[in-house]
Amino acid sequence: MSPIMQARLQRFKENKLGFGCFIVFALIFVLSLAAELIANDKPLLVKYDQSLYMPVLKTYPETTFGGVFETEADYKDPVVQQLINDKGWAVWPLIKFSYQTPNLELAVPVPSAPTAQNWLGTDDQGRDVLARILYGLRVSLLFGFALTIASAILGIMVGAVQGYYGGWVDLIGQRILEVWGGLPMLFMVMILVSMFTPSVYWLFVIMLLFGWPTLVGLVRAEFLRARNFDYVRAARSLGVTDRTIMFRHILPNAVSSSLSQFPFMLTANITALTALDFLGYGLPPDAASLGELLLQGKNNLSAPWLALSGFFTLTIVLSLLIYVGEATRDAFDPRRQ
C-alpha cells in the first residue's frame, strides 16, 4: 500500500463517527450473509441414531429420520420432530422461520402483532417480518454492491476515454451523456422492466444502463487534468502506448478519487431498488424485499409494525452508508493531505 493510501486510511480511522458506522454496517452485512444460519425453518444440526446431519446445507428425505415419505423432511411437522427426538436431538437457528415460511400456529388473523415467537410480527401472509428483513437486506446489499461495481467500471472506462483523447471524442461523449442523463431513470426502468418477465438479471442490466454515468464526469476531469502532465508527455515521447498510459499511469489516481463516491452510489442503488420493489417493478414477487415490506405497510395501516420495521431498517442502513461516505470523502480530500 502506498504512503498516500496509508495516510488516507489513517484519516478515515480518525473520523470516529464514520469509522464506527463502517464497523456497524460491516456487521449488518455479515449477519445478512449468514441469514440461513439465523432465520430458517430447518435445524442447523441434527443428531439421529448416532449420526450427524446438517439440514440447513443438505436436503434429507423423511425416511432418513424413520419416516415413511421419500420427499424432503418437513422439520416443522410434529411427527418429524418426534421421530428426531426419539433417537437424538436438533439444534435450531435463533429464528425458526425462513423468509417464505408462514407461521401456521397463529391463533389471530394476519398480519399479527409482534410476539415472543415472531419478534417483529408477521406480514399479511403469516411470514416472519424479521426473517424477511434479514433476507431482504442481503438481496438489497448484494444487488447494490454488484450494481455499484459494474457501474463504476463502465463509468471509469468511458470517462477515461473521453478525458484522455479529448477533442471530438469528448465533445460527442458529453452530448450523449447530456441526452442520456436527461432521461427520467425511474420511469424508463419501470417501462423496460414491465416489458420482460420479472428477473433479477434483467433488472440488474436495465438499472446498469442508467447507472453507469455517475462517475464519468469525475474520471473525465482527472484524465483531462493529467493528460498534459510531464510524466504523461514523457511516456508518449518514449513510445508508450495510450492504453498503458491510461490504465497504468493515470487511472490509479482517478480511481483513488472515485472511491469516495462508492458509498453514495451504493446508497442510491439500494434506494432505487427499494422504490422499484415498492411500486411492483423490482424483484420477482417471491423474493424477500424491503420495498415489498413497505408496500405491505401501506396496504395494512392497521399493522404499523410492518411499515415501521421497513422504515427503520432502511433508515439505519442508509444513514450508516451516508456517514461512511462522508468519512471516505474527507479522507480522500486532497486539501487534507
Protein backbone atom coordinates (compact mmCIF):
# COMPACT_ATOMS: atom_id res chain seq x y z
CA MET A 1 0.00 0.00 0.00
CA SER A 2 1.35 3.41 -0.98
CA PRO A 3 2.13 6.03 1.70
CA ILE A 4 -0.66 8.25 0.31
CA MET A 5 -3.22 5.46 0.64
CA GLN A 6 -1.97 4.67 4.15
CA ALA A 7 -2.45 8.32 5.11
CA ARG A 8 -5.98 8.27 3.69
CA LEU A 9 -6.81 5.12 5.61
CA GLN A 10 -5.46 6.70 8.78
CA ARG A 11 -7.60 9.81 8.27
CA PHE A 12 -10.62 7.57 7.73
CA LYS A 13 -9.95 5.77 11.03
CA GLU A 14 -9.55 9.09 12.83
CA ASN A 15 -13.12 10.00 11.84
CA LYS A 16 -14.75 8.26 14.81
CA LEU A 17 -18.32 8.58 13.55
CA GLY A 18 -17.55 7.37 10.02
CA PHE A 19 -15.32 4.52 11.14
CA GLY A 20 -17.84 3.42 13.77
CA CYS A 21 -20.62 3.43 11.17
CA PHE A 22 -18.40 1.36 8.88
CA ILE A 23 -17.96 -1.27 11.61
CA VAL A 24 -21.70 -1.40 12.29
CA PHE A 25 -22.51 -1.61 8.58
CA ALA A 26 -19.96 -4.40 8.10
CA LEU A 27 -21.56 -6.30 10.99
CA ILE A 28 -25.04 -5.90 9.47
CA PHE A 29 -23.72 -7.08 6.10
CA VAL A 30 -22.11 -10.17 7.63
CA LEU A 31 -25.29 -11.01 9.55
CA SER A 32 -27.33 -10.72 6.35
CA LEU A 33 -24.92 -13.06 4.56
CA ALA A 34 -25.48 -15.60 7.32
CA ALA A 35 -29.28 -15.26 7.12
CA GLU A 36 -29.78 -19.03 6.66
CA LEU A 37 -27.95 -19.66 9.93
CA ILE A 38 -30.03 -17.09 11.82
CA ALA A 39 -33.51 -17.50 10.34
CA ASN A 40 -34.52 -20.84 8.86
CA ASP A 41 -37.29 -23.42 9.03
CA LYS A 42 -34.67 -26.19 9.10
CA PRO A 43 -32.40 -27.17 12.00
CA LEU A 44 -28.75 -26.22 11.86
CA LEU A 45 -27.67 -29.62 13.14
CA VAL A 46 -29.49 -32.88 13.77
CA LYS A 47 -28.15 -35.91 15.62
CA TYR A 48 -30.18 -39.02 14.82
CA ASP A 49 -29.24 -42.60 15.61
CA GLN A 50 -25.58 -41.70 16.32
CA SER A 51 -25.24 -39.80 13.02
CA LEU A 52 -24.98 -36.06 12.43
CA TYR A 53 -26.91 -34.21 9.73
CA MET A 54 -26.96 -30.57 8.58
CA PRO A 55 -30.37 -29.90 7.02
CA VAL A 56 -29.55 -26.23 6.51
CA LEU A 57 -26.88 -27.25 3.98
CA LYS A 58 -28.21 -30.53 2.58
CA THR A 59 -31.61 -31.98 1.77
CA TYR A 60 -32.62 -35.19 3.54
CA PRO A 61 -35.73 -37.31 2.89
CA GLU A 62 -38.09 -38.07 5.75
CA THR A 63 -37.03 -41.73 5.64
CA THR A 64 -33.60 -40.68 6.94
CA PHE A 65 -35.23 -40.00 10.30
CA GLY A 66 -37.51 -43.02 10.35
CA GLY A 67 -40.41 -41.52 8.39
CA VAL A 68 -42.37 -43.05 5.54
CA PHE A 69 -42.07 -40.38 2.79
CA GLU A 70 -39.22 -40.17 0.28
CA THR A 71 -39.72 -36.42 -0.08
CA GLU A 72 -37.76 -33.80 1.87
CA ALA A 73 -38.45 -33.89 5.59
CA ASP A 74 -40.71 -31.16 6.97
CA TYR A 75 -38.89 -30.30 10.18
CA LYS A 76 -41.79 -28.17 11.41
CA ASP A 77 -44.04 -31.24 11.33
CA PRO A 78 -44.63 -32.50 14.91
CA VAL A 79 -44.35 -36.10 13.66
CA VAL A 80 -40.87 -35.50 12.22
CA GLN A 81 -39.81 -33.63 15.34
CA GLN A 82 -40.95 -36.55 17.49
CA LEU A 83 -39.03 -39.02 15.30
CA ILE A 84 -35.86 -36.97 15.74
CA ASN A 85 -36.33 -36.51 19.48
CA ASP A 86 -36.84 -40.24 19.99
CA LYS A 87 -33.32 -41.05 18.79
CA GLY A 88 -31.46 -37.77 19.01
CA TRP A 89 -31.79 -34.01 19.10
CA ALA A 90 -31.87 -30.94 16.86
CA VAL A 91 -30.25 -27.50 17.12
CA TRP A 92 -32.50 -24.80 15.65
CA PRO A 93 -31.50 -21.30 14.47
CA LEU A 94 -32.41 -18.27 16.53
CA ILE A 95 -35.46 -17.62 14.34
CA LYS A 96 -37.35 -20.76 13.30
CA PHE A 97 -38.74 -19.24 10.11
CA SER A 98 -37.33 -18.62 6.67
CA TYR A 99 -38.38 -15.65 4.56
CA GLN A 100 -41.13 -17.69 2.87
CA THR A 101 -42.24 -19.76 5.86
CA PRO A 102 -45.73 -18.92 7.18
CA ASN A 103 -46.47 -19.36 10.84
CA LEU A 104 -49.25 -21.95 10.78
CA GLU A 105 -49.67 -21.87 14.56
CA LEU A 106 -51.07 -18.35 14.73
CA ALA A 107 -54.33 -18.03 16.63
CA VAL A 108 -55.01 -14.49 15.39
CA PRO A 109 -55.60 -13.07 11.91
CA VAL A 110 -52.62 -11.98 9.83
CA PRO A 111 -50.77 -9.70 9.84
CA SER A 112 -50.18 -10.49 13.51
CA ALA A 113 -48.51 -8.24 16.07
CA PRO A 114 -45.01 -8.91 17.47
CA THR A 115 -44.81 -11.84 19.90
CA ALA A 116 -42.11 -13.94 21.55
CA GLN A 117 -42.28 -16.26 18.54
CA ASN A 118 -42.33 -13.55 15.86
CA TRP A 119 -40.28 -10.68 17.27
CA LEU A 120 -41.38 -8.14 14.66
CA GLY A 121 -44.73 -9.74 13.92
CA THR A 122 -45.87 -11.34 10.68
CA ASP A 123 -46.92 -9.93 7.31
CA ASP A 124 -50.23 -10.42 5.54
CA GLN A 125 -49.22 -13.96 4.56
CA GLY A 126 -48.16 -15.01 8.04
CA ARG A 127 -44.41 -14.82 7.27
CA ASP A 128 -41.96 -13.66 9.91
CA VAL A 129 -41.04 -9.99 9.37
CA LEU A 130 -37.58 -10.21 10.95
CA ALA A 131 -36.64 -13.16 8.73
CA ARG A 132 -37.78 -11.28 5.64
CA ILE A 133 -35.75 -8.24 6.72
CA LEU A 134 -32.59 -10.34 7.07
CA TYR A 135 -33.01 -11.97 3.67
CA GLY A 136 -34.19 -8.72 2.08
CA LEU A 137 -31.14 -6.87 3.39
CA ARG A 138 -28.86 -9.48 1.86
CA VAL A 139 -30.56 -9.19 -1.53
CA SER A 140 -30.50 -5.38 -1.42
CA LEU A 141 -26.87 -5.12 -0.33
CA LEU A 142 -25.51 -7.74 -2.73
CA PHE A 143 -27.54 -6.27 -5.60
CA GLY A 144 -26.38 -2.77 -4.66
CA PHE A 145 -22.71 -3.80 -4.41
CA ALA A 146 -22.79 -5.62 -7.76
CA LEU A 147 -24.56 -2.73 -9.49
CA THR A 148 -22.20 -0.17 -7.95
CA ILE A 149 -19.09 -2.08 -9.05
CA ALA A 150 -20.40 -2.67 -12.57
CA SER A 151 -21.50 0.97 -12.92
CA ALA A 152 -18.12 2.17 -11.65
CA ILE A 153 -16.19 0.02 -14.14
CA LEU A 154 -18.23 1.26 -17.10
CA GLY A 155 -18.19 4.87 -15.90
CA ILE A 156 -14.44 4.85 -15.32
CA MET A 157 -13.75 3.37 -18.77
CA VAL A 158 -15.96 5.89 -20.56
CA GLY A 159 -14.61 8.83 -18.55
CA ALA A 160 -11.03 7.69 -19.18
CA VAL A 161 -11.52 7.55 -22.94
CA GLN A 162 -13.26 10.95 -23.03
CA GLY A 163 -10.72 12.69 -20.84
CA TYR A 164 -7.60 11.21 -22.37
CA TYR A 165 -8.42 11.77 -26.03
CA GLY A 166 -10.49 14.93 -25.66
CA GLY A 167 -11.47 16.75 -28.84
CA TRP A 168 -14.32 15.27 -30.84
CA VAL A 169 -14.36 12.13 -28.70
CA ASP A 170 -15.00 14.20 -25.59
CA LEU A 171 -17.46 16.51 -27.35
CA ILE A 172 -19.60 13.71 -28.77
CA GLY A 173 -19.41 11.80 -25.49
CA GLN A 174 -20.61 14.79 -23.50
CA ARG A 175 -23.57 15.37 -25.81
CA ILE A 176 -24.57 11.70 -25.50
CA LEU A 177 -24.27 11.90 -21.71
CA GLU A 178 -26.42 15.04 -21.61
CA VAL A 179 -29.18 13.31 -23.56
CA TRP A 180 -28.85 10.07 -21.58
CA GLY A 181 -28.75 11.90 -18.26
CA GLY A 182 -31.88 13.86 -19.13
CA LEU A 183 -33.98 10.72 -19.34
CA PRO A 184 -36.13 10.03 -16.25
CA MET A 185 -34.32 6.97 -14.89
CA LEU A 186 -37.08 5.63 -12.64
CA PHE A 187 -39.79 5.84 -15.30
CA MET A 188 -37.57 4.36 -18.00
CA VAL A 189 -36.63 1.45 -15.75
CA MET A 190 -40.30 0.86 -14.92
CA ILE A 191 -41.22 0.81 -18.61
CA LEU A 192 -38.38 -1.53 -19.59
CA VAL A 193 -38.88 -3.89 -16.64
CA SER A 194 -42.60 -4.21 -17.41
CA MET A 195 -41.71 -5.48 -20.90
CA PHE A 196 -39.94 -8.60 -19.56
CA THR A 197 -40.65 -11.40 -17.11
CA PRO A 198 -39.55 -10.29 -13.62
CA SER A 199 -35.94 -11.36 -13.14
CA VAL A 200 -33.02 -10.21 -11.02
CA TYR A 201 -30.71 -10.34 -14.04
CA TRP A 202 -32.94 -8.26 -16.31
CA LEU A 203 -33.43 -5.73 -13.53
CA PHE A 204 -29.67 -5.55 -13.00
CA VAL A 205 -28.95 -4.96 -16.69
CA ILE A 206 -31.66 -2.33 -17.04
CA MET A 207 -30.56 -0.41 -13.94
CA LEU A 208 -26.95 -0.64 -15.13
CA LEU A 209 -27.93 1.09 -18.38
CA PHE A 210 -28.90 4.19 -16.41
CA GLY A 211 -26.41 3.96 -13.54
CA TRP A 212 -23.04 3.94 -15.28
CA PRO A 213 -22.73 7.72 -16.00
CA THR A 214 -22.31 8.53 -12.29
CA LEU A 215 -18.50 8.52 -12.28
CA VAL A 216 -17.92 9.63 -15.87
CA GLY A 217 -17.64 13.33 -15.05
CA LEU A 218 -15.21 12.83 -12.16
CA VAL A 219 -12.93 10.44 -14.07
CA ARG A 220 -13.08 12.60 -17.20
CA ALA A 221 -11.92 15.63 -15.21
CA GLU A 222 -9.00 13.67 -13.74
CA PHE A 223 -7.88 12.49 -17.18
CA LEU A 224 -8.27 15.94 -18.72
CA ARG A 225 -6.06 17.33 -15.97
CA ALA A 226 -3.46 14.57 -16.03
CA ARG A 227 -3.02 14.05 -19.78
CA ASN A 228 -0.79 17.13 -20.05
CA PHE A 229 1.39 16.33 -17.05
CA ASP A 230 5.11 15.93 -17.65
CA TYR A 231 5.20 12.22 -16.87
CA VAL A 232 2.44 11.56 -19.44
CA ARG A 233 4.26 13.58 -22.11
CA ALA A 234 7.48 11.76 -21.28
CA ALA A 235 5.74 8.41 -21.62
CA ARG A 236 4.35 9.42 -25.01
CA SER A 237 7.78 10.55 -26.23
CA LEU A 238 9.22 7.17 -25.18
CA GLY A 239 6.64 5.38 -27.33
CA VAL A 240 4.46 4.04 -24.51
CA THR A 241 1.04 3.07 -25.85
CA ASP A 242 -2.06 5.06 -24.98
CA ARG A 243 -3.57 2.03 -23.30
CA THR A 244 -0.59 1.67 -20.96
CA ILE A 245 -0.56 5.37 -20.12
CA MET A 246 -4.30 5.39 -19.42
CA PHE A 247 -4.57 2.27 -17.30
CA ARG A 248 -1.18 2.11 -15.62
CA HIS A 249 -0.22 5.72 -15.03
CA ILE A 250 -3.35 7.91 -14.95
CA LEU A 251 -6.09 5.50 -13.90
CA PRO A 252 -4.77 4.80 -10.34
CA ASN A 253 -5.11 8.49 -9.49
CA ALA A 254 -8.60 8.69 -10.99
CA VAL A 255 -9.74 5.54 -9.19
CA SER A 256 -8.49 6.88 -5.86
CA SER A 257 -10.67 9.97 -6.17
CA SER A 258 -13.62 7.85 -7.37
CA LEU A 259 -13.54 5.56 -4.33
CA SER A 260 -15.01 8.33 -2.18
CA GLN A 261 -18.21 8.16 -4.26
CA PHE A 262 -18.81 4.42 -3.79
CA PRO A 263 -20.86 4.67 -0.56
CA PHE A 264 -23.11 7.31 -2.11
CA MET A 265 -23.56 5.21 -5.26
CA LEU A 266 -24.43 2.19 -3.12
CA THR A 267 -26.97 4.26 -1.20
CA ALA A 268 -28.59 5.45 -4.43
CA ASN A 269 -28.76 1.91 -5.86
CA ILE A 270 -30.34 0.46 -2.71
CA THR A 271 -32.87 3.28 -2.65
CA ALA A 272 -33.71 2.77 -6.33
CA LEU A 273 -34.20 -0.98 -5.86
CA THR A 274 -36.44 -0.38 -2.84
CA ALA A 275 -38.52 2.16 -4.76
CA LEU A 276 -38.97 -0.22 -7.69
CA ASP A 277 -39.98 -3.04 -5.34
CA PHE A 278 -42.45 -0.73 -3.62
CA LEU A 279 -44.00 0.15 -6.98
CA GLY A 280 -44.10 -3.50 -8.08
CA TYR A 281 -41.45 -3.23 -10.81
CA GLY A 282 -38.50 -4.67 -8.92
CA LEU A 283 -37.56 -8.15 -7.82
CA PRO A 284 -39.78 -11.19 -8.51
CA PRO A 285 -42.80 -11.48 -6.18
CA ASP A 286 -41.37 -14.47 -4.27
CA ALA A 287 -38.13 -12.66 -3.37
CA ALA A 288 -37.51 -11.11 0.03
CA SER A 289 -37.62 -7.35 -0.43
CA LEU A 290 -37.58 -4.26 1.76
CA GLY A 291 -39.70 -2.40 -0.77
CA GLU A 292 -42.34 -5.14 -0.68
CA LEU A 293 -42.37 -4.88 3.12
CA LEU A 294 -43.01 -1.13 2.88
CA LEU A 295 -45.79 -1.81 0.37
CA GLN A 296 -47.40 -4.20 2.83
CA GLY A 297 -47.17 -1.49 5.47
CA LYS A 298 -49.00 0.91 3.17
CA ASN A 299 -51.69 -1.66 2.41
CA ASN A 300 -52.11 -2.67 6.07
CA LEU A 301 -52.26 0.56 8.06
CA SER A 302 -53.76 -1.35 10.99
CA ALA A 303 -50.43 -3.21 11.30
CA PRO A 304 -47.93 -0.38 11.95
CA TRP A 305 -45.10 -2.83 12.74
CA LEU A 306 -44.78 -3.59 9.02
CA ALA A 307 -44.15 0.00 7.93
CA LEU A 308 -42.04 0.80 11.00
CA SER A 309 -39.83 -2.27 10.53
CA GLY A 310 -39.12 -1.43 6.90
CA PHE A 311 -38.67 2.27 7.60
CA PHE A 312 -36.19 1.88 10.45
CA THR A 313 -34.25 -0.83 8.58
CA LEU A 314 -33.74 1.43 5.58
CA THR A 315 -33.10 4.49 7.76
CA ILE A 316 -30.36 2.74 9.74
CA VAL A 317 -28.62 1.18 6.72
CA LEU A 318 -28.74 4.28 4.53
CA SER A 319 -27.67 6.56 7.40
CA LEU A 320 -24.66 4.33 8.08
CA LEU A 321 -23.69 4.47 4.41
CA ILE A 322 -24.02 8.27 4.31
CA TYR A 323 -21.71 8.70 7.31
CA VAL A 324 -19.24 6.22 5.82
CA GLY A 325 -19.37 8.13 2.53
CA GLU A 326 -18.70 11.45 4.24
CA ALA A 327 -15.75 9.98 6.14
CA THR A 328 -14.38 8.48 2.92
CA ARG A 329 -14.79 11.77 1.07
CA ASP A 330 -12.91 13.64 3.81
CA ALA A 331 -10.16 11.01 3.82
CA PHE A 332 -9.64 11.36 0.05
CA ASP A 333 -9.89 15.15 0.04
CA PRO A 334 -6.55 16.40 -1.44
CA ARG A 335 -6.79 19.58 0.65
CA ARG A 336 -6.29 17.46 3.79
CA GLN A 337 -3.12 15.79 2.52
